[in-house]
């Protein structure tokens, strides 16, 4: 019989569903050039909710079709991309560490345009 004090606590998988929208040309990098989608995000954690950083990783690995380097570097968005969480600039919150919950909406807007 295993001693409870020697057993390691297994991380819990937290699942949330968030609404994501791409604008300002960001949608052109996505599979099917999609502008809006629902993403179910599953993160193993012992105590914390998923963050925007987790969402960025998921989008980069599963939704961006081409030129991933134009969307993210080092687990955050590239300069020139605004991130709006529930209608608030993520810089007002905790940036990439902003925690997400089911029902949240996240908007990615490119501010870079040729001309």
PDB file of N, CA and C in Angstrom:
ATOM      1  N   UNK A   1       0.843  -1.188   0.000  1.00  0.00           N
ATOM      2  CA  UNK A   1       0.000   0.000   0.000  1.00  0.00           C
ATOM      3  C   UNK A   1       0.884   1.245   0.000  1.00  0.00           C
ATOM      4  N   UNK A   2       0.644   2.151  -0.906  1.00  0.00           N
ATOM      5  CA  UNK A   2       1.466   3.353  -1.046  1.00  0.00           C
ATOM      6  C   UNK A   2       1.140   4.355   0.045  1.00  0.00           C
ATOM      7  N   UNK A   3       2.172   4.987   0.536  1.00  0.00           N
ATOM      8  CA  UNK A   3       2.030   6.025   1.549  1.00  0.00           C
ATOM      9  C   UNK A   3       1.548   7.299   0.868  1.00  0.00           C
ATOM     10  N   UNK A   4       0.470   7.896   1.376  1.00  0.00           N
ATOM     11  CA  UNK A   4      -0.102   9.097   0.759  1.00  0.00           C
ATOM     12  C   UNK A   4       0.891  10.245   0.717  1.00  0.00           C
ATOM     13  N   UNK A   5       1.794  10.324   1.681  1.00  0.00           N
ATOM     14  CA  UNK A   5       2.752  11.420   1.711  1.00  0.00           C
ATOM     15  C   UNK A   5       3.786  11.303   0.600  1.00  0.00           C
ATOM     16  N   UNK A   6       3.981  10.092   0.059  1.00  0.00           N
ATOM     17  CA  UNK A   6       4.962   9.919  -1.010  1.00  0.00           C
ATOM     18  C   UNK A   6       4.323   9.962  -2.394  1.00  0.00           C
ATOM     19  N   UNK A   7       3.003   9.946  -2.451  1.00  0.00           N
ATOM     20  CA  UNK A   7       2.332  10.023  -3.746  1.00  0.00           C
ATOM     21  C   UNK A   7       2.364  11.452  -4.257  1.00  0.00           C
ATOM     22  N   UNK A   8       2.692  11.598  -5.535  1.00  0.00           N
ATOM     23  CA  UNK A   8       2.697  12.918  -6.134  1.00  0.00           C
ATOM     24  C   UNK A   8       1.300  13.270  -6.613  1.00  0.00           C
ATOM     25  N   UNK A   9       0.901  14.497  -6.371  1.00  0.00           N
ATOM     26  CA  UNK A   9      -0.402  14.947  -6.830  1.00  0.00           C
ATOM     27  C   UNK A   9      -0.355  15.124  -8.338  1.00  0.00           C
ATOM     28  N   UNK A  10      -1.287  14.506  -9.040  1.00  0.00           N
ATOM     29  CA  UNK A  10      -1.361  14.609 -10.493  1.00  0.00           C
ATOM     30  C   UNK A  10      -1.980  15.959 -10.865  1.00  0.00           C
ATOM     31  N   UNK A  11      -1.412  16.605 -11.898  1.00  0.00           N
ATOM     32  CA  UNK A  11      -2.015  17.872 -12.315  1.00  0.00           C
ATOM     33  C   UNK A  11      -3.419  17.646 -12.872  1.00  0.00           C
ATOM     34  N   UNK A  12      -4.268  18.595 -12.651  1.00  0.00           N
ATOM     35  CA  UNK A  12      -5.640  18.548 -13.134  1.00  0.00           C
ATOM     36  C   UNK A  12      -5.689  19.190 -14.521  1.00  0.00           C
ATOM     37  N   UNK A  13      -6.523  18.651 -15.399  1.00  0.00           N
ATOM     38  CA  UNK A  13      -6.712  19.270 -16.699  1.00  0.00           C
ATOM     39  C   UNK A  13      -7.894  20.220 -16.612  1.00  0.00           C
ATOM     40  N   UNK A  14      -7.634  21.480 -16.909  1.00  0.00           N
ATOM     41  CA  UNK A  14      -8.667  22.504 -16.892  1.00  0.00           C
ATOM     42  C   UNK A  14      -9.054  22.777 -18.336  1.00  0.00           C
ATOM     43  N   UNK A  15     -10.345  22.708 -18.644  1.00  0.00           N
ATOM     44  CA  UNK A  15     -10.832  22.979 -19.996  1.00  0.00           C
ATOM     45  C   UNK A  15     -11.744  24.183 -19.978  1.00  0.00           C
ATOM     46  N   UNK A  16     -11.514  25.076 -20.928  1.00  0.00           N
ATOM     47  CA  UNK A  16     -12.375  26.242 -21.087  1.00  0.00           C
ATOM     48  C   UNK A  16     -12.668  26.423 -22.576  1.00  0.00           C
ATOM     49  N   UNK A  17     -13.721  27.155 -22.884  1.00  0.00           N
ATOM     50  CA  UNK A  17     -14.046  27.501 -24.265  1.00  0.00           C
ATOM     51  C   UNK A  17     -14.106  29.016 -24.366  1.00  0.00           C
ATOM     52  N   UNK A  18     -13.332  29.565 -25.300  1.00  0.00           N
ATOM     53  CA  UNK A  18     -13.302  31.010 -25.501  1.00  0.00           C
ATOM     54  C   UNK A  18     -13.629  31.336 -26.952  1.00  0.00           C
ATOM     55  N   UNK A  19     -14.192  32.525 -27.163  1.00  0.00           N
ATOM     56  CA  UNK A  19     -14.456  33.034 -28.510  1.00  0.00           C
ATOM     57  C   UNK A  19     -13.227  33.809 -28.954  1.00  0.00           C
ATOM     58  N   UNK A  20     -12.768  33.530 -30.171  1.00  0.00           N
ATOM     59  CA  UNK A  20     -11.579  34.193 -30.691  1.00  0.00           C
ATOM     60  C   UNK A  20     -11.930  34.834 -32.030  1.00  0.00           C
ATOM     61  N   UNK A  21     -11.437  36.048 -32.226  1.00  0.00           N
ATOM     62  CA  UNK A  21     -11.667  36.748 -33.481  1.00  0.00           C
ATOM     63  C   UNK A  21     -10.346  37.344 -33.966  1.00  0.00           C
ATOM     64  N   UNK A  22     -10.149  37.307 -35.292  1.00  0.00           N
ATOM     65  CA  UNK A  22      -8.961  37.862 -35.922  1.00  0.00           C
ATOM     66  C   UNK A  22      -9.394  38.988 -36.851  1.00  0.00           C
ATOM     67  N   UNK A  23      -8.645  40.102 -36.828  1.00  0.00           N
ATOM     68  CA  UNK A  23      -9.029  41.252 -37.638  1.00  0.00           C
ATOM     69  C   UNK A  23      -7.786  41.996 -38.118  1.00  0.00           C
ATOM     70  N   UNK A  24      -7.975  42.936 -39.025  1.00  0.00           N
ATOM     71  CA  UNK A  24      -6.877  43.748 -39.518  1.00  0.00           C
ATOM     72  C   UNK A  24      -5.893  42.989 -40.385  1.00  0.00           C
ATOM     73  N   UNK A  25      -6.343  41.872 -40.937  1.00  0.00           N
ATOM     74  CA  UNK A  25      -5.477  41.056 -41.775  1.00  0.00           C
ATOM     75  C   UNK A  25      -4.967  39.803 -41.090  1.00  0.00           C
ATOM     76  N   UNK A  26      -5.145  39.697 -39.783  1.00  0.00           N
ATOM     77  CA  UNK A  26      -4.704  38.502 -39.045  1.00  0.00           C
ATOM     78  C   UNK A  26      -5.390  37.247 -39.584  1.00  0.00           C
ATOM     79  N   UNK A  27      -6.640  37.403 -40.027  1.00  0.00           N
ATOM     80  CA  UNK A  27      -7.413  36.254 -40.504  1.00  0.00           C
ATOM     81  C   UNK A  27      -6.772  35.606 -41.732  1.00  0.00           C
ATOM     82  N   UNK A  28      -5.959  36.349 -42.469  1.00  0.00           N
ATOM     83  CA  UNK A  28      -5.317  35.809 -43.669  1.00  0.00           C
ATOM     84  C   UNK A  28      -4.251  34.767 -43.348  1.00  0.00           C
ATOM     85  N   UNK A  29      -3.758  34.774 -42.109  1.00  0.00           N
ATOM     86  CA  UNK A  29      -2.756  33.783 -41.696  1.00  0.00           C
ATOM     87  C   UNK A  29      -3.388  32.488 -41.204  1.00  0.00           C
ATOM     88  N   UNK A  30      -4.697  32.513 -40.952  1.00  0.00           N
ATOM     89  CA  UNK A  30      -5.366  31.378 -40.327  1.00  0.00           C
ATOM     90  C   UNK A  30      -5.846  30.354 -41.352  1.00  0.00           C
ATOM     91  N   UNK A  31      -5.980  29.119 -40.895  1.00  0.00           N
ATOM     92  CA  UNK A  31      -6.554  28.078 -41.745  1.00  0.00           C
ATOM     93  C   UNK A  31      -7.941  28.523 -42.165  1.00  0.00           C
ATOM     94  N   UNK A  32      -8.295  28.292 -43.404  1.00  0.00           N
ATOM     95  CA  UNK A  32      -9.590  28.687 -43.971  1.00  0.00           C
ATOM     96  C   UNK A  32      -9.834  30.190 -43.884  1.00  0.00           C
ATOM     97  N   UNK A  33      -8.806  30.970 -43.601  1.00  0.00           N
ATOM     98  CA  UNK A  33      -8.929  32.443 -43.516  1.00  0.00           C
ATOM     99  C   UNK A  33     -10.062  32.855 -42.580  1.00  0.00           C
ATOM    100  N   UNK A  34     -10.244  32.056 -41.550  1.00  0.00           N
ATOM    101  CA  UNK A  34     -11.353  32.270 -40.627  1.00  0.00           C
ATOM    102  C   UNK A  34     -11.166  33.535 -39.800  1.00  0.00           C
ATOM    103  N   UNK A  35     -12.277  34.225 -39.535  1.00  0.00           N
ATOM    104  CA  UNK A  35     -12.238  35.424 -38.703  1.00  0.00           C
ATOM    105  C   UNK A  35     -12.681  35.146 -37.276  1.00  0.00           C
ATOM    106  N   UNK A  36     -13.621  34.221 -37.093  1.00  0.00           N
ATOM    107  CA  UNK A  36     -14.162  33.934 -35.758  1.00  0.00           C
ATOM    108  C   UNK A  36     -14.197  32.434 -35.539  1.00  0.00           C
ATOM    109  N   UNK A  37     -13.872  32.028 -34.314  1.00  0.00           N
ATOM    110  CA  UNK A  37     -14.000  30.624 -33.959  1.00  0.00           C
ATOM    111  C   UNK A  37     -14.101  30.458 -32.455  1.00  0.00           C
ATOM    112  N   UNK A  38     -14.583  29.302 -32.072  1.00  0.00           N
ATOM    113  CA  UNK A  38     -14.639  28.909 -30.661  1.00  0.00           C
ATOM    114  C   UNK A  38     -13.474  27.949 -30.437  1.00  0.00           C
ATOM    115  N   UNK A  39     -12.700  28.180 -29.406  1.00  0.00           N
ATOM    116  CA  UNK A  39     -11.564  27.310 -29.116  1.00  0.00           C
ATOM    117  C   UNK A  39     -11.743  26.699 -27.740  1.00  0.00           C
ATOM    118  N   UNK A  40     -11.648  25.368 -27.706  1.00  0.00           N
ATOM    119  CA  UNK A  40     -11.615  24.679 -26.415  1.00  0.00           C
ATOM    120  C   UNK A  40     -10.151  24.504 -26.053  1.00  0.00           C
ATOM    121  N   UNK A  41      -9.780  25.077 -24.950  1.00  0.00           N
ATOM    122  CA  UNK A  41      -8.399  25.083 -24.500  1.00  0.00           C
ATOM    123  C   UNK A  41      -8.291  24.189 -23.278  1.00  0.00           C
ATOM    124  N   UNK A  42      -7.405  23.208 -23.342  1.00  0.00           N
ATOM    125  CA  UNK A  42      -7.178  22.301 -22.214  1.00  0.00           C
ATOM    126  C   UNK A  42      -5.749  22.494 -21.728  1.00  0.00           C
ATOM    127  N   UNK A  43      -5.598  22.769 -20.442  1.00  0.00           N
ATOM    128  CA  UNK A  43      -4.288  23.022 -19.864  1.00  0.00           C
ATOM    129  C   UNK A  43      -4.150  22.216 -18.586  1.00  0.00           C
ATOM    130  N   UNK A  44      -3.015  21.537 -18.446  1.00  0.00           N
ATOM    131  CA  UNK A  44      -2.755  20.829 -17.192  1.00  0.00           C
ATOM    132  C   UNK A  44      -2.206  21.827 -16.187  1.00  0.00           C
ATOM    133  N   UNK A  45      -2.844  21.869 -15.040  1.00  0.00           N
ATOM    134  CA  UNK A  45      -2.454  22.832 -14.023  1.00  0.00           C
ATOM    135  C   UNK A  45      -2.882  22.314 -12.663  1.00  0.00           C
ATOM    136  N   UNK A  46      -2.145  22.674 -11.650  1.00  0.00           N
ATOM    137  CA  UNK A  46      -2.544  22.279 -10.310  1.00  0.00           C
ATOM    138  C   UNK A  46      -3.395  23.334  -9.633  1.00  0.00           C
ATOM    139  N   UNK A  47      -3.339  24.591 -10.126  1.00  0.00           N
ATOM    140  CA  UNK A  47      -4.113  25.618  -9.430  1.00  0.00           C
ATOM    141  C   UNK A  47      -4.546  26.797 -10.281  1.00  0.00           C
ATOM    142  N   UNK A  48      -4.010  26.968 -11.478  1.00  0.00           N
ATOM    143  CA  UNK A  48      -4.274  28.186 -12.224  1.00  0.00           C
ATOM    144  C   UNK A  48      -5.108  27.965 -13.462  1.00  0.00           C
ATOM    145  N   UNK A  49      -5.897  28.964 -13.804  1.00  0.00           N
ATOM    146  CA  UNK A  49      -6.683  28.965 -15.037  1.00  0.00           C
ATOM    147  C   UNK A  49      -5.739  29.135 -16.228  1.00  0.00           C
ATOM    148  N   UNK A  50      -6.164  28.691 -17.405  1.00  0.00           N
ATOM    149  CA  UNK A  50      -5.375  28.954 -18.612  1.00  0.00           C
ATOM    150  C   UNK A  50      -5.218  30.461 -18.827  1.00  0.00           C
ATOM    151  N   UNK A  51      -4.154  30.827 -19.514  1.00  0.00           N
ATOM    152  CA  UNK A  51      -3.855  32.234 -19.765  1.00  0.00           C
ATOM    153  C   UNK A  51      -3.894  32.542 -21.258  1.00  0.00           C
ATOM    154  N   UNK A  52      -3.804  33.829 -21.576  1.00  0.00           N
ATOM    155  CA  UNK A  52      -3.718  34.233 -22.973  1.00  0.00           C
ATOM    156  C   UNK A  52      -2.475  33.608 -23.610  1.00  0.00           C
ATOM    157  N   UNK A  53      -1.404  33.456 -22.855  1.00  0.00           N
ATOM    158  CA  UNK A  53      -0.185  32.818 -23.361  1.00  0.00           C
ATOM    159  C   UNK A  53      -0.494  31.390 -23.839  1.00  0.00           C
ATOM    160  N   UNK A  54      -1.293  30.651 -23.066  1.00  0.00           N
ATOM    161  CA  UNK A  54      -1.698  29.295 -23.473  1.00  0.00           C
ATOM    162  C   UNK A  54      -2.508  29.343 -24.764  1.00  0.00           C
ATOM    163  N   UNK A  55      -3.390  30.336 -24.872  1.00  0.00           N
ATOM    164  CA  UNK A  55      -4.201  30.493 -26.079  1.00  0.00           C
ATOM    165  C   UNK A  55      -3.322  30.818 -27.284  1.00  0.00           C
ATOM    166  N   UNK A  56      -2.344  31.686 -27.112  1.00  0.00           N
ATOM    167  CA  UNK A  56      -1.434  32.043 -28.198  1.00  0.00           C
ATOM    168  C   UNK A  56      -0.687  30.813 -28.694  1.00  0.00           C
ATOM    169  N   UNK A  57      -0.189  29.996 -27.757  1.00  0.00           N
ATOM    170  CA  UNK A  57       0.498  28.752 -28.150  1.00  0.00           C
ATOM    171  C   UNK A  57      -0.429  27.850 -28.946  1.00  0.00           C
ATOM    172  N   UNK A  58      -1.670  27.697 -28.474  1.00  0.00           N
ATOM    173  CA  UNK A  58      -2.636  26.828 -29.157  1.00  0.00           C
ATOM    174  C   UNK A  58      -2.914  27.341 -30.569  1.00  0.00           C
ATOM    175  N   UNK A  59      -3.152  28.634 -30.696  1.00  0.00           N
ATOM    176  CA  UNK A  59      -3.441  29.212 -32.009  1.00  0.00           C
ATOM    177  C   UNK A  59      -2.244  29.025 -32.936  1.00  0.00           C
ATOM    178  N   UNK A  60      -1.057  29.331 -32.445  1.00  0.00           N
ATOM    179  CA  UNK A  60       0.151  29.176 -33.269  1.00  0.00           C
ATOM    180  C   UNK A  60       0.300  27.733 -33.770  1.00  0.00           C
ATOM    181  N   UNK A  61       0.085  26.767 -32.889  1.00  0.00           N
ATOM    182  CA  UNK A  61       0.311  25.361 -33.224  1.00  0.00           C
ATOM    183  C   UNK A  61      -0.840  24.704 -33.979  1.00  0.00           C
ATOM    184  N   UNK A  62      -2.065  25.242 -33.861  1.00  0.00           N
ATOM    185  CA  UNK A  62      -3.230  24.556 -34.415  1.00  0.00           C
ATOM    186  C   UNK A  62      -4.090  25.364 -35.386  1.00  0.00           C
ATOM    187  N   UNK A  63      -3.961  26.667 -35.396  1.00  0.00           N
ATOM    188  CA  UNK A  63      -4.859  27.490 -36.210  1.00  0.00           C
ATOM    189  C   UNK A  63      -4.115  28.266 -37.294  1.00  0.00           C
ATOM    190  N   UNK A  64      -2.917  28.760 -36.998  1.00  0.00           N
ATOM    191  CA  UNK A  64      -2.157  29.511 -37.994  1.00  0.00           C
ATOM    192  C   UNK A  64      -1.722  28.553 -39.099  1.00  0.00           C
ATOM    193  N   UNK A  65      -2.041  28.913 -40.346  1.00  0.00           N
ATOM    194  CA  UNK A  65      -1.742  28.037 -41.478  1.00  0.00           C
ATOM    195  C   UNK A  65      -0.356  28.310 -42.059  1.00  0.00           C
ATOM    196  N   UNK A  66       0.056  29.544 -42.047  1.00  0.00           N
ATOM    197  CA  UNK A  66       1.324  29.905 -42.664  1.00  0.00           C
ATOM    198  C   UNK A  66       1.926  31.104 -41.957  1.00  0.00           C
ATOM    199  N   UNK A  67       3.218  31.266 -42.117  1.00  0.00           N
ATOM    200  CA  UNK A  67       3.948  32.409 -41.564  1.00  0.00           C
ATOM    201  C   UNK A  67       3.693  32.575 -40.063  1.00  0.00           C
ATOM    202  N   UNK A  68       3.880  31.488 -39.306  1.00  0.00           N
ATOM    203  CA  UNK A  68       3.652  31.515 -37.861  1.00  0.00           C
ATOM    204  C   UNK A  68       4.442  32.625 -37.170  1.00  0.00           C
ATOM    205  N   UNK A  69       5.608  32.964 -37.740  1.00  0.00           N
ATOM    206  CA  UNK A  69       6.459  33.992 -37.156  1.00  0.00           C
ATOM    207  C   UNK A  69       5.834  35.388 -37.230  1.00  0.00           C
ATOM    208  N   UNK A  70       4.804  35.564 -38.072  1.00  0.00           N
ATOM    209  CA  UNK A  70       4.101  36.846 -38.125  1.00  0.00           C
ATOM    210  C   UNK A  70       3.046  36.960 -37.026  1.00  0.00           C
ATOM    211  N   UNK A  71       2.704  35.811 -36.432  1.00  0.00           N
ATOM    212  CA  UNK A  71       1.714  35.817 -35.349  1.00  0.00           C
ATOM    213  C   UNK A  71       2.372  35.847 -33.974  1.00  0.00           C
ATOM    214  N   UNK A  72       3.335  34.947 -33.744  1.00  0.00           N
ATOM    215  CA  UNK A  72       3.912  34.896 -32.404  1.00  0.00           C
ATOM    216  C   UNK A  72       5.386  34.521 -32.408  1.00  0.00           C
ATOM    217  N   UNK A  73       6.053  34.995 -31.355  1.00  0.00           N
ATOM    218  CA  UNK A  73       7.444  34.649 -31.065  1.00  0.00           C
ATOM    219  C   UNK A  73       7.564  34.586 -29.552  1.00  0.00           C
ATOM    220  N   UNK A  74       8.285  33.591 -29.071  1.00  0.00           N
ATOM    221  CA  UNK A  74       8.538  33.458 -27.628  1.00  0.00           C
ATOM    222  C   UNK A  74       7.253  33.450 -26.802  1.00  0.00           C
ATOM    223  N   UNK A  75       6.234  32.728 -27.291  1.00  0.00           N
ATOM    224  CA  UNK A  75       4.971  32.540 -26.573  1.00  0.00           C
ATOM    225  C   UNK A  75       4.197  33.825 -26.305  1.00  0.00           C
ATOM    226  N   UNK A  76       4.416  34.836 -27.119  1.00  0.00           N
ATOM    227  CA  UNK A  76       3.590  36.032 -27.068  1.00  0.00           C
ATOM    228  C   UNK A  76       3.362  36.494 -28.508  1.00  0.00           C
ATOM    229  N   UNK A  77       2.463  37.443 -28.698  1.00  0.00           N
ATOM    230  CA  UNK A  77       2.216  37.922 -30.054  1.00  0.00           C
ATOM    231  C   UNK A  77       3.349  38.833 -30.500  1.00  0.00           C
ATOM    232  N   UNK A  78       3.496  38.935 -31.797  1.00  0.00           N
ATOM    233  CA  UNK A  78       4.513  39.813 -32.372  1.00  0.00           C
ATOM    234  C   UNK A  78       4.129  41.275 -32.160  1.00  0.00           C
ATOM    235  N   UNK A  79       5.124  42.170 -32.172  1.00  0.00           N
ATOM    236  CA  UNK A  79       4.805  43.597 -32.092  1.00  0.00           C
ATOM    237  C   UNK A  79       3.864  43.986 -33.231  1.00  0.00           C
ATOM    238  N   UNK A  80       2.945  44.887 -32.950  1.00  0.00           N
ATOM    239  CA  UNK A  80       1.990  45.330 -33.954  1.00  0.00           C
ATOM    240  C   UNK A  80       0.671  44.580 -33.907  1.00  0.00           C
ATOM    241  N   UNK A  81       0.537  43.641 -32.971  1.00  0.00           N
ATOM    242  CA  UNK A  81      -0.732  42.924 -32.809  1.00  0.00           C
ATOM    243  C   UNK A  81      -1.342  43.337 -31.474  1.00  0.00           C
ATOM    244  N   UNK A  82      -2.531  43.914 -31.553  1.00  0.00           N
ATOM    245  CA  UNK A  82      -3.274  44.262 -30.339  1.00  0.00           C
ATOM    246  C   UNK A  82      -4.050  43.045 -29.880  1.00  0.00           C
ATOM    247  N   UNK A  83      -4.112  42.849 -28.576  1.00  0.00           N
ATOM    248  CA  UNK A  83      -4.894  41.759 -28.004  1.00  0.00           C
ATOM    249  C   UNK A  83      -5.923  42.380 -27.060  1.00  0.00           C
ATOM    250  N   UNK A  84      -7.182  42.103 -27.350  1.00  0.00           N
ATOM    251  CA  UNK A  84      -8.283  42.649 -26.562  1.00  0.00           C
ATOM    252  C   UNK A  84      -9.011  41.475 -25.900  1.00  0.00           C
ATOM    253  N   UNK A  85      -9.063  41.481 -24.578  1.00  0.00           N
ATOM    254  CA  UNK A  85      -9.731  40.417 -23.820  1.00  0.00           C
ATOM    255  C   UNK A  85     -10.977  41.005 -23.178  1.00  0.00           C
ATOM    256  N   UNK A  86     -12.133  40.486 -23.582  1.00  0.00           N
ATOM    257  CA  UNK A  86     -13.400  40.990 -23.047  1.00  0.00           C
ATOM    258  C   UNK A  86     -13.492  42.512 -23.168  1.00  0.00           C
ATOM    259  N   UNK A  87     -13.129  43.017 -24.356  1.00  0.00           N
ATOM    260  CA  UNK A  87     -13.211  44.427 -24.705  1.00  0.00           C
ATOM    261  C   UNK A  87     -12.240  45.323 -23.937  1.00  0.00           C
ATOM    262  N   UNK A  88     -11.184  44.727 -23.352  1.00  0.00           N
ATOM    263  CA  UNK A  88     -10.179  45.493 -22.616  1.00  0.00           C
ATOM    264  C   UNK A  88      -8.798  45.114 -23.162  1.00  0.00           C
ATOM    265  N   UNK A  89      -7.974  46.127 -23.449  1.00  0.00           N
ATOM    266  CA  UNK A  89      -6.609  45.884 -23.921  1.00  0.00           C
ATOM    267  C   UNK A  89      -5.872  45.035 -22.880  1.00  0.00           C
ATOM    268  N   UNK A  90      -5.223  43.976 -23.329  1.00  0.00           N
ATOM    269  CA  UNK A  90      -4.563  43.073 -22.382  1.00  0.00           C
ATOM    270  C   UNK A  90      -3.454  43.768 -21.597  1.00  0.00           C
ATOM    271  N   UNK A  91      -2.928  44.888 -22.091  1.00  0.00           N
ATOM    272  CA  UNK A  91      -1.894  45.632 -21.367  1.00  0.00           C
ATOM    273  C   UNK A  91      -2.446  46.226 -20.073  1.00  0.00           C
ATOM    274  N   UNK A  92      -3.746  46.479 -20.041  1.00  0.00           N
ATOM    275  CA  UNK A  92      -4.388  46.988 -18.826  1.00  0.00           C
ATOM    276  C   UNK A  92      -4.512  45.863 -17.802  1.00  0.00           C
ATOM    277  N   UNK A  93      -4.621  44.654 -18.293  1.00  0.00           N
ATOM    278  CA  UNK A  93      -4.707  43.469 -17.420  1.00  0.00           C
ATOM    279  C   UNK A  93      -3.288  42.964 -17.150  1.00  0.00           C
ATOM    280  N   UNK A  94      -3.049  41.672 -17.348  1.00  0.00           N
ATOM    281  CA  UNK A  94      -1.736  41.087 -17.072  1.00  0.00           C
ATOM    282  C   UNK A  94      -1.015  40.637 -18.329  1.00  0.00           C
ATOM    283  N   UNK A  95      -1.331  41.240 -19.477  1.00  0.00           N
ATOM    284  CA  UNK A  95      -0.670  40.869 -20.717  1.00  0.00           C
ATOM    285  C   UNK A  95      -0.881  39.395 -21.030  1.00  0.00           C
ATOM    286  N   UNK A  96       0.177  38.718 -21.426  1.00  0.00           N
ATOM    287  CA  UNK A  96       0.091  37.304 -21.793  1.00  0.00           C
ATOM    288  C   UNK A  96      -0.315  36.425 -20.617  1.00  0.00           C
ATOM    289  N   UNK A  97      -0.153  36.917 -19.405  1.00  0.00           N
ATOM    290  CA  UNK A  97      -0.513  36.143 -18.213  1.00  0.00           C
ATOM    291  C   UNK A  97      -1.953  36.376 -17.756  1.00  0.00           C
ATOM    292  N   UNK A  98      -2.724  37.110 -18.539  1.00  0.00           N
ATOM    293  CA  UNK A  98      -4.136  37.322 -18.226  1.00  0.00           C
ATOM    294  C   UNK A  98      -4.847  35.971 -18.211  1.00  0.00           C
ATOM    295  N   UNK A  99      -5.535  35.673 -17.127  1.00  0.00           N
ATOM    296  CA  UNK A  99      -6.241  34.397 -17.004  1.00  0.00           C
ATOM    297  C   UNK A  99      -7.543  34.431 -17.804  1.00  0.00           C
ATOM    298  N   UNK A 100      -7.859  33.287 -18.393  1.00  0.00           N
ATOM    299  CA  UNK A 100      -9.076  33.158 -19.193  1.00  0.00           C
ATOM    300  C   UNK A 100     -10.062  32.214 -18.528  1.00  0.00           C
ATOM    301  N   UNK A 101     -11.344  32.455 -18.780  1.00  0.00           N
ATOM    302  CA  UNK A 101     -12.418  31.599 -18.286  1.00  0.00           C
ATOM    303  C   UNK A 101     -13.364  31.290 -19.436  1.00  0.00           C
ATOM    304  N   UNK A 102     -14.149  30.233 -19.284  1.00  0.00           N
ATOM    305  CA  UNK A 102     -15.147  29.906 -20.290  1.00  0.00           C
ATOM    306  C   UNK A 102     -16.045  31.115 -20.530  1.00  0.00           C
ATOM    307  N   UNK A 103     -16.285  31.402 -21.813  1.00  0.00           N
ATOM    308  CA  UNK A 103     -17.146  32.522 -22.178  1.00  0.00           C
ATOM    309  C   UNK A 103     -16.395  33.803 -22.496  1.00  0.00           C
ATOM    310  N   UNK A 104     -15.090  33.856 -22.182  1.00  0.00           N
ATOM    311  CA  UNK A 104     -14.310  35.048 -22.504  1.00  0.00           C
ATOM    312  C   UNK A 104     -14.187  35.200 -24.011  1.00  0.00           C
ATOM    313  N   UNK A 105     -13.960  36.438 -24.458  1.00  0.00           N
ATOM    314  CA  UNK A 105     -13.709  36.688 -25.873  1.00  0.00           C
ATOM    315  C   UNK A 105     -12.341  37.353 -26.008  1.00  0.00           C
ATOM    316  N   UNK A 106     -11.603  36.916 -27.036  1.00  0.00           N
ATOM    317  CA  UNK A 106     -10.264  37.450 -27.283  1.00  0.00           C
ATOM    318  C   UNK A 106     -10.195  37.867 -28.747  1.00  0.00           C
ATOM    319  N   UNK A 107      -9.792  39.100 -28.972  1.00  0.00           N
ATOM    320  CA  UNK A 107      -9.689  39.671 -30.311  1.00  0.00           C
ATOM    321  C   UNK A 107      -8.222  39.983 -30.585  1.00  0.00           C
ATOM    322  N   UNK A 108      -7.710  39.499 -31.724  1.00  0.00           N
ATOM    323  CA  UNK A 108      -6.358  39.794 -32.175  1.00  0.00           C
ATOM    324  C   UNK A 108      -6.477  40.711 -33.395  1.00  0.00           C
ATOM    325  N   UNK A 109      -5.862  41.909 -33.314  1.00  0.00           N
ATOM    326  CA  UNK A 109      -5.944  42.882 -34.399  1.00  0.00           C
ATOM    327  C   UNK A 109      -4.534  43.266 -34.843  1.00  0.00           C
ATOM    328  N   UNK A 110      -4.261  43.098 -36.132  1.00  0.00           N
ATOM    329  CA  UNK A 110      -2.988  43.554 -36.678  1.00  0.00           C
ATOM    330  C   UNK A 110      -3.068  45.043 -36.942  1.00  0.00           C
ATOM    331  N   UNK A 111      -2.049  45.764 -36.490  1.00  0.00           N
ATOM    332  CA  UNK A 111      -1.995  47.205 -36.751  1.00  0.00           C
ATOM    333  C   UNK A 111      -0.981  47.513 -37.845  1.00  0.00           C
ATOM    334  N   UNK A 112      -0.331  46.490 -38.383  1.00  0.00           N
ATOM    335  CA  UNK A 112       0.679  46.681 -39.412  1.00  0.00           C
ATOM    336  C   UNK A 112       0.061  46.554 -40.785  1.00  0.00           C
ATOM    337  N   UNK A 113       0.260  47.550 -41.605  1.00  0.00           N
ATOM    338  CA  UNK A 113      -0.299  47.557 -42.949  1.00  0.00           C
ATOM    339  C   UNK A 113       0.732  48.128 -43.913  1.00  0.00           C
ATOM    340  N   UNK A 114       0.765  47.589 -45.086  1.00  0.00           N
ATOM    341  CA  UNK A 114       1.647  48.119 -46.114  1.00  0.00           C
ATOM    342  C   UNK A 114       1.105  49.415 -46.679  1.00  0.00           C
ATOM    343  N   UNK A 115       1.921  50.112 -47.386  1.00  0.00           N
ATOM    344  CA  UNK A 115       1.394  51.346 -47.959  1.00  0.00           C
ATOM    345  C   UNK A 115       2.381  52.083 -48.764  1.00  0.00           C
TER     346      UNK A 115
END
